[in-house]
């Protein structure tokens, strides 16, 4: 078991996790980070056409051991076409 701290960045706000959570391994922490990204994107859809949602997991020593990014891009492929 290990403690993981999840820091988030939604393009406007960054949060630093001071509490942490226990997981059996890094794969379990990865699943948690991926679920958090879905919630972040659902709570804050972008005002513009691009946004990255990022979750970084740190270990108990403070080292970043995992980064998961969800990129949302809005494109209008038919614009400019005749």
N, C-alpha and C. Protein backbone atom coordinates (compact mmCIF):
# COMPACT_ATOMS: atom_id res chain seq x y z
N UNK A 1 0.84 -1.19 0.00
CA UNK A 1 0.00 0.00 0.00
C UNK A 1 0.88 1.24 0.00
N UNK A 2 0.36 2.26 -0.62
CA UNK A 2 1.09 3.50 -0.64
C UNK A 2 0.17 4.70 -0.61
N UNK A 3 0.70 5.79 -0.14
CA UNK A 3 -0.06 7.02 -0.11
C UNK A 3 0.21 7.83 -1.37
N UNK A 4 -0.84 8.34 -1.95
CA UNK A 4 -0.73 9.17 -3.14
C UNK A 4 -1.47 10.48 -2.90
N UNK A 5 -0.88 11.55 -3.40
CA UNK A 5 -1.44 12.89 -3.28
C UNK A 5 -1.76 13.37 -4.68
N UNK A 6 -3.00 13.81 -4.90
CA UNK A 6 -3.47 14.17 -6.24
C UNK A 6 -3.62 15.69 -6.36
N UNK A 7 -2.76 16.28 -7.18
CA UNK A 7 -2.82 17.70 -7.47
C UNK A 7 -3.55 17.86 -8.80
N UNK A 8 -4.42 18.86 -8.90
CA UNK A 8 -5.22 19.03 -10.11
C UNK A 8 -5.01 20.42 -10.71
N UNK A 9 -5.25 20.50 -12.01
CA UNK A 9 -5.16 21.76 -12.74
C UNK A 9 -6.21 21.72 -13.84
N UNK A 10 -7.16 22.67 -13.80
CA UNK A 10 -8.21 22.69 -14.83
C UNK A 10 -8.03 23.84 -15.81
N UNK A 11 -6.86 24.46 -15.80
CA UNK A 11 -6.61 25.59 -16.69
C UNK A 11 -6.87 26.92 -16.03
N UNK A 12 -7.71 26.94 -15.01
CA UNK A 12 -7.99 28.16 -14.24
C UNK A 12 -7.48 28.05 -12.81
N UNK A 13 -7.65 26.87 -12.23
CA UNK A 13 -7.31 26.67 -10.83
C UNK A 13 -6.42 25.45 -10.65
N UNK A 14 -5.46 25.60 -9.77
CA UNK A 14 -4.60 24.47 -9.39
C UNK A 14 -4.84 24.18 -7.92
N UNK A 15 -4.97 22.91 -7.61
CA UNK A 15 -5.12 22.52 -6.21
C UNK A 15 -4.00 21.56 -5.85
N UNK A 16 -3.55 21.68 -4.62
CA UNK A 16 -2.51 20.80 -4.09
C UNK A 16 -3.14 19.97 -2.97
N UNK A 17 -3.02 18.67 -3.08
CA UNK A 17 -3.59 17.74 -2.12
C UNK A 17 -2.64 17.58 -0.94
N UNK A 18 -3.09 17.98 0.24
CA UNK A 18 -2.30 17.83 1.45
C UNK A 18 -2.72 16.63 2.28
N UNK A 19 -3.81 15.97 1.87
CA UNK A 19 -4.36 14.86 2.65
C UNK A 19 -3.89 13.51 2.13
N UNK A 20 -4.02 13.29 0.83
CA UNK A 20 -3.61 12.03 0.23
C UNK A 20 -4.63 10.92 0.43
N UNK A 21 -4.40 9.82 -0.30
CA UNK A 21 -5.25 8.65 -0.22
C UNK A 21 -4.36 7.41 -0.33
N UNK A 22 -4.81 6.32 0.25
CA UNK A 22 -4.07 5.06 0.19
C UNK A 22 -4.60 4.19 -0.95
N UNK A 23 -3.68 3.62 -1.72
CA UNK A 23 -4.04 2.70 -2.80
C UNK A 23 -3.09 1.52 -2.77
N UNK A 24 -3.56 0.40 -3.29
CA UNK A 24 -2.77 -0.83 -3.30
C UNK A 24 -1.52 -0.68 -4.17
N UNK A 25 -1.66 0.04 -5.28
CA UNK A 25 -0.54 0.21 -6.21
C UNK A 25 -0.79 1.41 -7.12
N UNK A 26 0.16 1.66 -8.00
CA UNK A 26 0.04 2.82 -8.89
C UNK A 26 -1.10 2.66 -9.88
N UNK A 27 -1.44 1.44 -10.26
CA UNK A 27 -2.55 1.23 -11.19
C UNK A 27 -3.88 1.64 -10.56
N UNK A 28 -4.04 1.39 -9.28
CA UNK A 28 -5.25 1.82 -8.57
C UNK A 28 -5.28 3.35 -8.47
N UNK A 29 -4.12 3.95 -8.25
CA UNK A 29 -4.04 5.41 -8.21
C UNK A 29 -4.35 5.99 -9.59
N UNK A 30 -3.91 5.32 -10.65
CA UNK A 30 -4.20 5.75 -12.02
C UNK A 30 -5.70 5.76 -12.28
N UNK A 31 -6.38 4.71 -11.84
CA UNK A 31 -7.84 4.64 -12.03
C UNK A 31 -8.53 5.81 -11.32
N UNK A 32 -8.07 6.15 -10.13
CA UNK A 32 -8.63 7.28 -9.40
C UNK A 32 -8.38 8.59 -10.13
N UNK A 33 -7.18 8.76 -10.67
CA UNK A 33 -6.84 9.99 -11.40
C UNK A 33 -7.71 10.12 -12.65
N UNK A 34 -7.93 9.02 -13.36
CA UNK A 34 -8.76 9.05 -14.55
C UNK A 34 -10.21 9.41 -14.20
N UNK A 35 -10.72 8.86 -13.13
CA UNK A 35 -12.09 9.19 -12.70
C UNK A 35 -12.19 10.66 -12.31
N UNK A 36 -11.15 11.19 -11.68
CA UNK A 36 -11.16 12.60 -11.28
C UNK A 36 -11.22 13.51 -12.51
N UNK A 37 -10.53 13.13 -13.59
CA UNK A 37 -10.55 13.94 -14.81
C UNK A 37 -11.95 14.05 -15.39
N UNK A 38 -12.68 12.96 -15.36
CA UNK A 38 -14.05 12.99 -15.88
C UNK A 38 -14.88 13.98 -15.08
N UNK A 39 -14.75 13.94 -13.77
CA UNK A 39 -15.48 14.88 -12.93
C UNK A 39 -15.07 16.33 -13.17
N UNK A 40 -13.77 16.55 -13.35
CA UNK A 40 -13.28 17.91 -13.61
C UNK A 40 -13.87 18.45 -14.91
N UNK A 41 -13.84 17.64 -15.95
CA UNK A 41 -14.35 18.08 -17.25
C UNK A 41 -15.85 18.32 -17.19
N UNK A 42 -16.55 17.47 -16.46
CA UNK A 42 -18.00 17.62 -16.33
C UNK A 42 -18.36 18.89 -15.57
N UNK A 43 -17.58 19.23 -14.55
CA UNK A 43 -17.85 20.42 -13.75
C UNK A 43 -17.48 21.71 -14.47
N UNK A 44 -16.52 21.65 -15.36
CA UNK A 44 -16.03 22.89 -15.96
C UNK A 44 -15.75 22.70 -17.43
N UNK A 45 -16.76 22.83 -18.22
CA UNK A 45 -16.55 22.77 -19.66
C UNK A 45 -15.86 24.06 -20.09
N UNK A 46 -15.02 23.99 -21.08
CA UNK A 46 -14.22 25.17 -21.43
C UNK A 46 -15.04 26.29 -22.05
N UNK A 47 -14.61 27.50 -21.74
CA UNK A 47 -15.22 28.67 -22.36
C UNK A 47 -14.69 28.86 -23.77
N UNK A 48 -13.47 28.42 -24.00
CA UNK A 48 -12.86 28.57 -25.31
C UNK A 48 -12.93 27.26 -26.08
N UNK A 49 -11.98 27.09 -26.97
CA UNK A 49 -11.99 25.91 -27.82
C UNK A 49 -10.98 24.84 -27.41
N UNK A 50 -10.16 25.14 -26.40
CA UNK A 50 -9.17 24.17 -25.96
C UNK A 50 -9.01 24.25 -24.45
N UNK A 51 -8.83 23.09 -23.84
CA UNK A 51 -8.55 23.06 -22.41
C UNK A 51 -7.93 21.72 -22.07
N UNK A 52 -6.92 21.75 -21.21
CA UNK A 52 -6.33 20.53 -20.67
C UNK A 52 -6.69 20.42 -19.20
N UNK A 53 -7.13 19.25 -18.81
CA UNK A 53 -7.40 18.94 -17.41
C UNK A 53 -6.30 17.97 -16.97
N UNK A 54 -5.63 18.28 -15.88
CA UNK A 54 -4.46 17.50 -15.47
C UNK A 54 -4.61 17.05 -14.02
N UNK A 55 -4.27 15.80 -13.78
CA UNK A 55 -4.14 15.27 -12.42
C UNK A 55 -2.73 14.70 -12.30
N UNK A 56 -2.01 15.16 -11.30
CA UNK A 56 -0.67 14.63 -11.01
C UNK A 56 -0.73 13.92 -9.67
N UNK A 57 -0.15 12.74 -9.63
CA UNK A 57 -0.08 11.99 -8.38
C UNK A 57 1.35 12.05 -7.86
N UNK A 58 1.47 12.42 -6.59
CA UNK A 58 2.77 12.43 -5.91
C UNK A 58 2.80 11.29 -4.90
N UNK A 59 3.98 10.75 -4.67
CA UNK A 59 4.12 9.74 -3.64
C UNK A 59 4.37 10.42 -2.29
N UNK A 60 4.58 9.61 -1.27
CA UNK A 60 4.77 10.17 0.08
C UNK A 60 6.04 11.00 0.21
N UNK A 61 7.00 10.79 -0.70
CA UNK A 61 8.23 11.57 -0.70
C UNK A 61 8.07 12.89 -1.46
N UNK A 62 6.90 13.08 -2.10
CA UNK A 62 6.64 14.31 -2.83
C UNK A 62 7.02 14.25 -4.30
N UNK A 63 7.45 13.09 -4.78
CA UNK A 63 7.83 12.94 -6.18
C UNK A 63 6.61 12.66 -7.04
N UNK A 64 6.51 13.32 -8.19
CA UNK A 64 5.42 13.04 -9.12
C UNK A 64 5.68 11.68 -9.75
N UNK A 65 4.73 10.76 -9.55
CA UNK A 65 4.88 9.40 -10.06
C UNK A 65 3.91 9.10 -11.20
N UNK A 66 2.97 10.01 -11.45
CA UNK A 66 1.96 9.79 -12.47
C UNK A 66 1.35 11.13 -12.87
N UNK A 67 1.15 11.31 -14.17
CA UNK A 67 0.41 12.47 -14.65
C UNK A 67 -0.59 11.98 -15.69
N UNK A 68 -1.84 12.35 -15.51
CA UNK A 68 -2.91 11.97 -16.43
C UNK A 68 -3.54 13.27 -16.94
N UNK A 69 -3.64 13.38 -18.27
CA UNK A 69 -4.16 14.60 -18.88
C UNK A 69 -5.32 14.27 -19.80
N UNK A 70 -6.37 15.05 -19.70
CA UNK A 70 -7.50 14.97 -20.62
C UNK A 70 -7.52 16.27 -21.40
N UNK A 71 -7.36 16.18 -22.72
CA UNK A 71 -7.37 17.37 -23.57
C UNK A 71 -8.70 17.45 -24.31
N UNK A 72 -9.32 18.61 -24.23
CA UNK A 72 -10.58 18.84 -24.93
C UNK A 72 -10.34 19.93 -25.96
N UNK A 73 -10.62 19.60 -27.22
CA UNK A 73 -10.43 20.55 -28.32
C UNK A 73 -11.70 20.62 -29.15
N UNK A 74 -12.16 21.82 -29.39
CA UNK A 74 -13.32 22.03 -30.25
C UNK A 74 -12.79 22.52 -31.60
N UNK A 75 -13.19 21.86 -32.66
CA UNK A 75 -12.76 22.24 -34.00
C UNK A 75 -13.97 22.35 -34.92
N UNK A 76 -13.85 23.16 -35.92
CA UNK A 76 -14.88 23.33 -36.93
C UNK A 76 -14.25 22.97 -38.29
N UNK A 77 -14.16 21.69 -38.60
CA UNK A 77 -13.43 21.27 -39.78
C UNK A 77 -14.03 21.77 -41.09
N UNK A 78 -15.31 22.07 -41.14
CA UNK A 78 -15.91 22.48 -42.40
C UNK A 78 -15.73 23.97 -42.67
N UNK A 79 -15.27 24.75 -41.68
CA UNK A 79 -15.07 26.18 -41.91
C UNK A 79 -13.95 26.38 -42.92
N UNK A 80 -14.14 27.26 -43.83
CA UNK A 80 -13.14 27.57 -44.82
C UNK A 80 -13.22 26.67 -46.04
N UNK A 81 -14.07 25.67 -45.99
CA UNK A 81 -14.23 24.79 -47.14
C UNK A 81 -15.35 25.32 -48.04
N UNK A 82 -15.19 25.15 -49.30
CA UNK A 82 -16.22 25.62 -50.23
C UNK A 82 -17.14 24.50 -50.61
